[in-house]
Amino acid sequence: MKGDTTIIDRVKHIMDYYVENNNAFAERIGVDKSNLSKMLNGQRTIGEGTVNKIVLATEFRKDWLLTGEGEMLNNANPEPKYSEAVPIQQDVVYIPLVNQFAYAGYLDGYSDCTYLDQLPKIPFIVDREGHGNYIAFEVKGDSMNDGTEESYLEGDRLYCREIQPHLWANSKLHLRKWDFVIIHTDGIIIKRIIDHNVENHTITIHSLNDMYPDRVIDLCEVKQIFNVIESVRPRRR
């Protein structure tokens, strides 16, 4: 596929569809950003492995990406084909769990490999290669509980993937897709982000519980930001 500008144009179309630059799209599909740039410039082959990663991480169909023919999106024909077995690529990774009582310790030890190794580990199934920094956080408090099904209750476990700092420093976060865990100098914050001002280097955080007002945070005071990929609620009576 090397030098095939047609598939390169289709990859660029997918990036435009998600309004993502090279760095954000490389993060989405789990490839090195410099390798992606070389692929888009025709300096490196867009191989089968990269195609599979794009298909797993997006709504676009593999046959369209390879040939430009057929339906472009997976949801273009929603009728299920029960006669076909669809393989699912899954990997189990064991990730650190930061429970409610470890919040303070994590603020001091988040960059210390020895500290992270001492945290309990829990299994998490990812639907593509487990590139990136995955951590689970246990919800503390009620700021994200408004009584709806979107709420996070105290004790819920949030499985999260870190967004590399250069991505939230130089380009806008995908605010409509994710909730976030923010490692701030004042503590660990679980919120929605309703505004990201790249020029001013600030974010505006929002709680589902209207008892907590919106707040503007300077990103200079932020150590890490994580996407909330999945939440798990322990059984309660």
C-alpha atoms as a PDB file:
ATOM      1  CA  MET A   1       0.000   0.000   0.000  1.00  0.00           C
ATOM      2  CA  LYS A   2       3.049   2.279   0.128  1.00  0.00           C
ATOM      3  CA  GLY A   3       2.645   5.353  -2.016  1.00  0.00           C
ATOM      4  CA  ASP A   4      -1.069   4.708  -2.527  1.00  0.00           C
ATOM      5  CA  THR A   5      -2.428   8.245  -2.129  1.00  0.00           C
ATOM      6  CA  THR A   6      -6.005   6.939  -2.329  1.00  0.00           C
ATOM      7  CA  ILE A   7      -5.862   5.137   1.015  1.00  0.00           C
ATOM      8  CA  ILE A   8      -3.949   8.075   2.472  1.00  0.00           C
ATOM      9  CA  ASP A   9      -6.782  10.382   1.414  1.00  0.00           C
ATOM     10  CA  ARG A  10      -9.312   8.039   3.042  1.00  0.00           C
ATOM     11  CA  VAL A  11      -7.353   8.048   6.309  1.00  0.00           C
ATOM     12  CA  LYS A  12      -7.276  11.859   6.176  1.00  0.00           C
ATOM     13  CA  HIS A  13     -11.045  11.812   5.564  1.00  0.00           C
ATOM     14  CA  ILE A  14     -11.492   9.758   8.752  1.00  0.00           C
ATOM     15  CA  MET A  15      -9.369  12.273  10.670  1.00  0.00           C
ATOM     16  CA  ASP A  16     -11.525  15.111   9.330  1.00  0.00           C
ATOM     17  CA  TYR A  17     -14.648  13.173  10.347  1.00  0.00           C
ATOM     18  CA  TYR A  18     -13.450  13.137  13.971  1.00  0.00           C
ATOM     19  CA  VAL A  19     -11.918  16.646  13.705  1.00  0.00           C
ATOM     20  CA  GLU A  20      -8.576  15.296  14.898  1.00  0.00           C
ATOM     21  CA  ASN A  21      -5.008  16.301  14.116  1.00  0.00           C
ATOM     22  CA  ASN A  22      -2.158  13.804  13.683  1.00  0.00           C
ATOM     23  CA  ASN A  23      -1.410  13.601  17.412  1.00  0.00           C
ATOM     24  CA  ALA A  24      -5.022  13.044  18.471  1.00  0.00           C
ATOM     25  CA  PHE A  25      -5.668  10.450  15.774  1.00  0.00           C
ATOM     26  CA  ALA A  26      -2.446   8.582  16.593  1.00  0.00           C
ATOM     27  CA  GLU A  27      -3.617   8.493  20.223  1.00  0.00           C
ATOM     28  CA  ARG A  28      -7.049   7.222  19.160  1.00  0.00           C
ATOM     29  CA  ILE A  29      -5.745   4.291  17.102  1.00  0.00           C
ATOM     30  CA  GLY A  30      -2.717   3.506  19.281  1.00  0.00           C
ATOM     31  CA  VAL A  31       0.191   4.178  16.917  1.00  0.00           C
ATOM     32  CA  ASP A  32       3.298   6.313  17.226  1.00  0.00           C
ATOM     33  CA  LYS A  33       2.562   9.860  16.026  1.00  0.00           C
ATOM     34  CA  SER A  34       5.793  10.107  13.997  1.00  0.00           C
ATOM     35  CA  ASN A  35       4.961   6.843  12.217  1.00  0.00           C
ATOM     36  CA  LEU A  36       1.475   8.150  11.422  1.00  0.00           C
ATOM     37  CA  SER A  37       2.950  11.348   9.953  1.00  0.00           C
ATOM     38  CA  LYS A  38       5.238   9.276   7.722  1.00  0.00           C
ATOM     39  CA  MET A  39       2.274   7.194   6.555  1.00  0.00           C
ATOM     40  CA  LEU A  40       0.256  10.286   5.705  1.00  0.00           C
ATOM     41  CA  ASN A  41       3.230  11.747   3.817  1.00  0.00           C
ATOM     42  CA  GLY A  42       3.667   8.538   1.810  1.00  0.00           C
ATOM     43  CA  GLN A  43       7.026   7.809   3.426  1.00  0.00           C
ATOM     44  CA  ARG A  44       5.863   4.646   5.140  1.00  0.00           C
ATOM     45  CA  THR A  45       3.468   1.824   4.309  1.00  0.00           C
ATOM     46  CA  ILE A  46      -0.045   1.894   5.715  1.00  0.00           C
ATOM     47  CA  GLY A  47       0.038  -1.782   6.595  1.00  0.00           C
ATOM     48  CA  GLU A  48      -2.618  -4.295   7.557  1.00  0.00           C
ATOM     49  CA  GLY A  49      -1.914  -3.815  11.254  1.00  0.00           C
ATOM     50  CA  THR A  50      -2.528  -0.063  11.066  1.00  0.00           C
ATOM     51  CA  VAL A  51      -5.684  -0.606   8.999  1.00  0.00           C
ATOM     52  CA  ASN A  52      -7.024  -3.007  11.631  1.00  0.00           C
ATOM     53  CA  LYS A  53      -6.295  -0.492  14.399  1.00  0.00           C
ATOM     54  CA  ILE A  54      -8.175   2.228  12.520  1.00  0.00           C
ATOM     55  CA  VAL A  55     -11.161  -0.076  11.989  1.00  0.00           C
ATOM     56  CA  LEU A  56     -11.254  -1.095  15.673  1.00  0.00           C
ATOM     57  CA  ALA A  57     -11.001   2.505  16.889  1.00  0.00           C
ATOM     58  CA  THR A  58     -13.480   4.110  14.472  1.00  0.00           C
ATOM     59  CA  GLU A  59     -16.857   3.600  12.823  1.00  0.00           C
ATOM     60  CA  PHE A  60     -15.363   3.073   9.352  1.00  0.00           C
ATOM     61  CA  ARG A  61     -15.523  -0.200   7.454  1.00  0.00           C
ATOM     62  CA  LYS A  62     -12.361  -2.064   6.502  1.00  0.00           C
ATOM     63  CA  ASP A  63     -13.370  -2.791   2.903  1.00  0.00           C
ATOM     64  CA  TRP A  64     -14.094   0.909   2.299  1.00  0.00           C
ATOM     65  CA  LEU A  65     -10.780   1.941   3.857  1.00  0.00           C
ATOM     66  CA  LEU A  66      -8.862  -0.530   1.675  1.00  0.00           C
ATOM     67  CA  THR A  67     -10.688  -0.033  -1.620  1.00  0.00           C
ATOM     68  CA  GLY A  68     -12.914   3.025  -1.369  1.00  0.00           C
ATOM     69  CA  GLU A  69     -15.862   0.854  -2.352  1.00  0.00           C
ATOM     70  CA  GLY A  70     -19.019  -0.141  -0.493  1.00  0.00           C
ATOM     71  CA  GLU A  71     -20.551   1.409   2.604  1.00  0.00           C
ATOM     72  CA  MET A  72     -18.262   3.793   4.426  1.00  0.00           C
ATOM     73  CA  LEU A  73     -19.597   3.483   7.997  1.00  0.00           C
ATOM     74  CA  ASN A  74     -20.446   0.425  10.053  1.00  0.00           C
ATOM     75  CA  ASN A  75     -23.843   1.881  10.938  1.00  0.00           C
ATOM     76  CA  ALA A  76     -24.784   2.488   7.301  1.00  0.00           C
ATOM     77  CA  ASN A  77     -26.518  -0.911   7.244  1.00  0.00           C
ATOM     78  CA  PRO A  78     -27.623  -1.707  10.804  1.00  0.00           C
ATOM     79  CA  GLU A  79     -29.369  -4.973   9.945  1.00  0.00           C
ATOM     80  CA  PRO A  80     -27.491  -7.746  11.789  1.00  0.00           C
ATOM     81  CA  LYS A  81     -26.092 -10.669   9.835  1.00  0.00           C
ATOM     82  CA  TYR A  82     -26.606 -13.548  12.237  1.00  0.00           C
ATOM     83  CA  SER A  83     -24.914 -16.060   9.935  1.00  0.00           C
ATOM     84  CA  GLU A  84     -21.566 -14.307  10.264  1.00  0.00           C
ATOM     85  CA  ALA A  85     -19.228 -14.804  13.197  1.00  0.00           C
ATOM     86  CA  VAL A  86     -17.509 -11.519  14.015  1.00  0.00           C
ATOM     87  CA  PRO A  87     -14.123 -11.920  15.720  1.00  0.00           C
ATOM     88  CA  ILE A  88     -13.425  -9.550  18.606  1.00  0.00           C
ATOM     89  CA  GLN A  89      -9.866  -8.622  19.444  1.00  0.00           C
ATOM     90  CA  GLN A  90      -9.508  -8.350  23.207  1.00  0.00           C
ATOM     91  CA  ASP A  91      -6.585  -8.002  25.579  1.00  0.00           C
ATOM     92  CA  VAL A  92      -6.677  -8.305  29.360  1.00  0.00           C
ATOM     93  CA  VAL A  93      -4.416  -5.873  31.144  1.00  0.00           C
ATOM     94  CA  TYR A  94      -3.875  -5.558  34.890  1.00  0.00           C
ATOM     95  CA  ILE A  95      -4.021  -1.936  35.943  1.00  0.00           C
ATOM     96  CA  PRO A  96      -3.405  -0.117  39.233  1.00  0.00           C
ATOM     97  CA  LEU A  97      -6.432   0.752  41.373  1.00  0.00           C
ATOM     98  CA  VAL A  98      -6.442   4.059  43.243  1.00  0.00           C
ATOM     99  CA  ASN A  99      -9.159   3.666  45.856  1.00  0.00           C
ATOM    100  CA  GLN A 100     -10.759   6.475  47.858  1.00  0.00           C
ATOM    101  CA  PHE A 101      -8.172   6.187  50.605  1.00  0.00           C
ATOM    102  CA  ALA A 102      -5.205   6.361  48.219  1.00  0.00           C
ATOM    103  CA  TYR A 103      -6.061   9.746  46.679  1.00  0.00           C
ATOM    104  CA  ALA A 104      -3.559  11.718  48.750  1.00  0.00           C
ATOM    105  CA  GLY A 105      -0.818   9.172  48.232  1.00  0.00           C
ATOM    106  CA  TYR A 106      -1.352   9.148  44.471  1.00  0.00           C
ATOM    107  CA  LEU A 107      -0.833  12.919  44.278  1.00  0.00           C
ATOM    108  CA  ASP A 108       2.641  12.443  45.705  1.00  0.00           C
ATOM    109  CA  GLY A 109       3.479   9.164  43.997  1.00  0.00           C
ATOM    110  CA  TYR A 110       1.856   9.312  40.539  1.00  0.00           C
ATOM    111  CA  SER A 111       5.261   9.574  38.835  1.00  0.00           C
ATOM    112  CA  ASP A 112       6.979   7.074  41.145  1.00  0.00           C
ATOM    113  CA  CYS A 113       7.136   3.587  39.580  1.00  0.00           C
ATOM    114  CA  THR A 114       7.785   2.008  42.977  1.00  0.00           C
ATOM    115  CA  TYR A 115       4.623   3.565  44.412  1.00  0.00           C
ATOM    116  CA  LEU A 116       2.528   2.522  41.405  1.00  0.00           C
ATOM    117  CA  ASP A 117       3.808  -1.051  41.656  1.00  0.00           C
ATOM    118  CA  GLN A 118       2.565  -1.201  45.257  1.00  0.00           C
ATOM    119  CA  LEU A 119      -1.028  -0.323  44.317  1.00  0.00           C
ATOM    120  CA  PRO A 120      -3.478  -3.237  43.983  1.00  0.00           C
ATOM    121  CA  LYS A 121      -3.982  -4.451  40.392  1.00  0.00           C
ATOM    122  CA  ILE A 122      -7.324  -5.310  38.795  1.00  0.00           C
ATOM    123  CA  PRO A 123      -8.078  -6.855  35.367  1.00  0.00           C
ATOM    124  CA  PHE A 124      -9.469  -4.746  32.553  1.00  0.00           C
ATOM    125  CA  ILE A 125     -10.450  -5.929  29.075  1.00  0.00           C
ATOM    126  CA  VAL A 126      -9.492  -3.569  26.249  1.00  0.00           C
ATOM    127  CA  ASP A 127     -10.882  -4.046  22.749  1.00  0.00           C
ATOM    128  CA  ARG A 128      -7.605  -3.257  21.010  1.00  0.00           C
ATOM    129  CA  GLU A 129      -3.929  -3.367  21.843  1.00  0.00           C
ATOM    130  CA  GLY A 130      -3.392  -2.036  25.332  1.00  0.00           C
ATOM    131  CA  HIS A 131      -1.144   0.859  24.422  1.00  0.00           C
ATOM    132  CA  GLY A 132      -1.144   3.726  26.876  1.00  0.00           C
ATOM    133  CA  ASN A 133      -1.321   4.290  30.599  1.00  0.00           C
ATOM    134  CA  TYR A 134      -4.424   2.664  32.141  1.00  0.00           C
ATOM    135  CA  ILE A 135      -5.450   3.253  35.769  1.00  0.00           C
ATOM    136  CA  ALA A 136      -8.676   2.666  37.721  1.00  0.00           C
ATOM    137  CA  PHE A 137      -9.971   5.250  40.192  1.00  0.00           C
ATOM    138  CA  GLU A 138     -12.614   4.692  42.840  1.00  0.00           C
ATOM    139  CA  VAL A 139     -15.202   7.455  43.007  1.00  0.00           C
ATOM    140  CA  LYS A 140     -15.195   9.582  46.150  1.00  0.00           C
ATOM    141  CA  GLY A 141     -18.016  11.965  47.058  1.00  0.00           C
ATOM    142  CA  ASP A 142     -21.285  12.874  45.326  1.00  0.00           C
ATOM    143  CA  SER A 143     -20.341  15.683  42.933  1.00  0.00           C
ATOM    144  CA  MET A 144     -21.078  13.475  39.898  1.00  0.00           C
ATOM    145  CA  ASN A 145     -24.397  12.129  41.203  1.00  0.00           C
ATOM    146  CA  ASP A 146     -27.554  13.820  39.951  1.00  0.00           C
ATOM    147  CA  GLY A 147     -29.795  10.789  40.357  1.00  0.00           C
ATOM    148  CA  THR A 148     -29.729   9.855  36.661  1.00  0.00           C
ATOM    149  CA  GLU A 149     -28.182   6.836  34.969  1.00  0.00           C
ATOM    150  CA  GLU A 150     -25.215   9.005  33.970  1.00  0.00           C
ATOM    151  CA  SER A 151     -24.241   9.413  37.620  1.00  0.00           C
ATOM    152  CA  TYR A 152     -21.085   8.080  39.229  1.00  0.00           C
ATOM    153  CA  LEU A 153     -21.784   6.901  42.779  1.00  0.00           C
ATOM    154  CA  GLU A 154     -19.272   6.792  45.590  1.00  0.00           C
ATOM    155  CA  GLY A 155     -17.371   3.521  45.338  1.00  0.00           C
ATOM    156  CA  ASP A 156     -17.844   3.092  41.582  1.00  0.00           C
ATOM    157  CA  ARG A 157     -14.681   2.060  39.765  1.00  0.00           C
ATOM    158  CA  LEU A 158     -13.699   4.104  36.730  1.00  0.00           C
ATOM    159  CA  TYR A 159     -11.365   2.487  34.206  1.00  0.00           C
ATOM    160  CA  CYS A 160      -9.319   5.262  32.647  1.00  0.00           C
ATOM    161  CA  ARG A 161      -6.706   5.873  29.960  1.00  0.00           C
ATOM    162  CA  GLU A 162      -4.261   8.759  30.244  1.00  0.00           C
ATOM    163  CA  ILE A 163      -4.283  11.542  27.660  1.00  0.00           C
ATOM    164  CA  GLN A 164      -0.686  12.528  27.014  1.00  0.00           C
ATOM    165  CA  PRO A 165       0.027  16.148  28.080  1.00  0.00           C
ATOM    166  CA  HIS A 166       1.044  17.362  24.620  1.00  0.00           C
ATOM    167  CA  LEU A 167      -2.440  16.470  23.376  1.00  0.00           C
ATOM    168  CA  TRP A 168      -4.326  18.602  25.895  1.00  0.00           C
ATOM    169  CA  ALA A 169      -1.733  21.369  25.782  1.00  0.00           C
ATOM    170  CA  ASN A 170      -1.786  21.851  22.004  1.00  0.00           C
ATOM    171  CA  SER A 171      -5.231  20.711  20.848  1.00  0.00           C
ATOM    172  CA  LYS A 172      -8.764  20.570  22.206  1.00  0.00           C
ATOM    173  CA  LEU A 173      -9.992  17.622  24.230  1.00  0.00           C
ATOM    174  CA  HIS A 174     -12.945  15.600  22.923  1.00  0.00           C
ATOM    175  CA  LEU A 175     -15.399  17.001  25.440  1.00  0.00           C
ATOM    176  CA  ARG A 176     -18.590  15.396  24.122  1.00  0.00           C
ATOM    177  CA  LYS A 177     -17.216  11.874  24.078  1.00  0.00           C
ATOM    178  CA  TRP A 178     -15.722  11.407  27.538  1.00  0.00           C
ATOM    179  CA  ASP A 179     -15.896  12.233  31.203  1.00  0.00           C
ATOM    180  CA  PHE A 180     -12.546  12.860  32.818  1.00  0.00           C
ATOM    181  CA  VAL A 181     -10.403  12.181  35.858  1.00  0.00           C
ATOM    182  CA  ILE A 182      -8.140  15.166  36.461  1.00  0.00           C
ATOM    183  CA  ILE A 183      -5.081  14.954  38.690  1.00  0.00           C
ATOM    184  CA  HIS A 184      -4.889  18.496  40.045  1.00  0.00           C
ATOM    185  CA  THR A 185      -2.541  19.995  42.580  1.00  0.00           C
ATOM    186  CA  ASP A 186      -5.519  20.236  44.964  1.00  0.00           C
ATOM    187  CA  GLY A 187      -6.610  16.622  44.534  1.00  0.00           C
ATOM    188  CA  ILE A 188      -8.160  14.023  42.236  1.00  0.00           C
ATOM    189  CA  ILE A 189     -11.197  15.418  40.421  1.00  0.00           C
ATOM    190  CA  ILE A 190     -13.835  13.415  38.491  1.00  0.00           C
ATOM    191  CA  LYS A 191     -15.775  15.807  36.246  1.00  0.00           C
ATOM    192  CA  ARG A 192     -17.104  16.707  32.865  1.00  0.00           C
ATOM    193  CA  ILE A 193     -15.141  19.310  30.953  1.00  0.00           C
ATOM    194  CA  ILE A 194     -17.460  21.780  29.236  1.00  0.00           C
ATOM    195  CA  ASP A 195     -14.838  24.126  27.788  1.00  0.00           C
ATOM    196  CA  HIS A 196     -11.176  23.840  26.834  1.00  0.00           C
ATOM    197  CA  ASN A 197      -9.455  27.113  25.967  1.00  0.00           C
ATOM    198  CA  VAL A 198      -6.191  26.073  24.330  1.00  0.00           C
ATOM    199  CA  GLU A 199      -4.974  29.647  23.942  1.00  0.00           C
ATOM    200  CA  ASN A 200      -5.499  30.537  27.616  1.00  0.00           C
ATOM    201  CA  HIS A 201      -4.458  27.055  28.755  1.00  0.00           C
ATOM    202  CA  THR A 202      -7.585  26.532  30.868  1.00  0.00           C
ATOM    203  CA  ILE A 203     -10.449  24.066  31.199  1.00  0.00           C
ATOM    204  CA  THR A 204     -13.895  24.547  32.724  1.00  0.00           C
ATOM    205  CA  ILE A 205     -15.057  21.583  34.824  1.00  0.00           C
ATOM    206  CA  HIS A 206     -18.685  20.702  35.505  1.00  0.00           C
ATOM    207  CA  SER A 207     -20.370  18.499  38.121  1.00  0.00           C
ATOM    208  CA  LEU A 208     -23.574  16.588  37.470  1.00  0.00           C
ATOM    209  CA  ASN A 209     -24.693  17.493  41.001  1.00  0.00           C
ATOM    210  CA  ASP A 210     -25.869  21.107  40.741  1.00  0.00           C
ATOM    211  CA  MET A 211     -24.776  21.741  44.323  1.00  0.00           C
ATOM    212  CA  TYR A 212     -21.259  22.115  42.931  1.00  0.00           C
ATOM    213  CA  PRO A 213     -20.593  25.178  40.723  1.00  0.00           C
ATOM    214  CA  ASP A 214     -18.576  25.095  37.502  1.00  0.00           C
ATOM    215  CA  ARG A 215     -14.923  25.943  37.946  1.00  0.00           C
ATOM    216  CA  VAL A 216     -12.148  27.172  35.646  1.00  0.00           C
ATOM    217  CA  ILE A 217      -8.801  25.410  36.099  1.00  0.00           C
ATOM    218  CA  ASP A 218      -5.398  26.528  34.848  1.00  0.00           C
ATOM    219  CA  LEU A 219      -3.781  23.555  33.099  1.00  0.00           C
ATOM    220  CA  CYS A 220      -0.455  24.566  34.636  1.00  0.00           C
ATOM    221  CA  GLU A 221      -1.925  23.163  37.880  1.00  0.00           C
ATOM    222  CA  VAL A 222      -2.856  19.831  36.256  1.00  0.00           C
ATOM    223  CA  LYS A 223      -0.530  16.846  36.447  1.00  0.00           C
ATOM    224  CA  GLN A 224      -2.526  14.264  34.480  1.00  0.00           C
ATOM    225  CA  ILE A 225      -5.833  13.932  32.617  1.00  0.00           C
ATOM    226  CA  PHE A 226      -7.576  10.604  31.982  1.00  0.00           C
ATOM    227  CA  ASN A 227     -10.523   9.615  29.788  1.00  0.00           C
ATOM    228  CA  VAL A 228     -13.132   7.584  31.665  1.00  0.00           C
ATOM    229  CA  ILE A 229     -13.469   4.551  29.388  1.00  0.00           C
ATOM    230  CA  GLU A 230     -15.750   2.404  31.511  1.00  0.00           C
ATOM    231  CA  SER A 231     -17.408   2.440  34.921  1.00  0.00           C
ATOM    232  CA  VAL A 232     -18.219  -0.554  37.125  1.00  0.00           C
ATOM    233  CA  ARG A 233     -20.629  -0.377  40.060  1.00  0.00           C
ATOM    234  CA  PRO A 234     -20.267  -2.810  42.950  1.00  0.00           C
ATOM    235  CA  ARG A 235     -23.475  -4.584  43.930  1.00  0.00           C
ATOM    236  CA  ARG A 236     -25.364  -2.691  46.612  1.00  0.00           C
ATOM    237  CA  ARG A 237     -28.555  -3.335  48.572  1.00  0.00           C
END
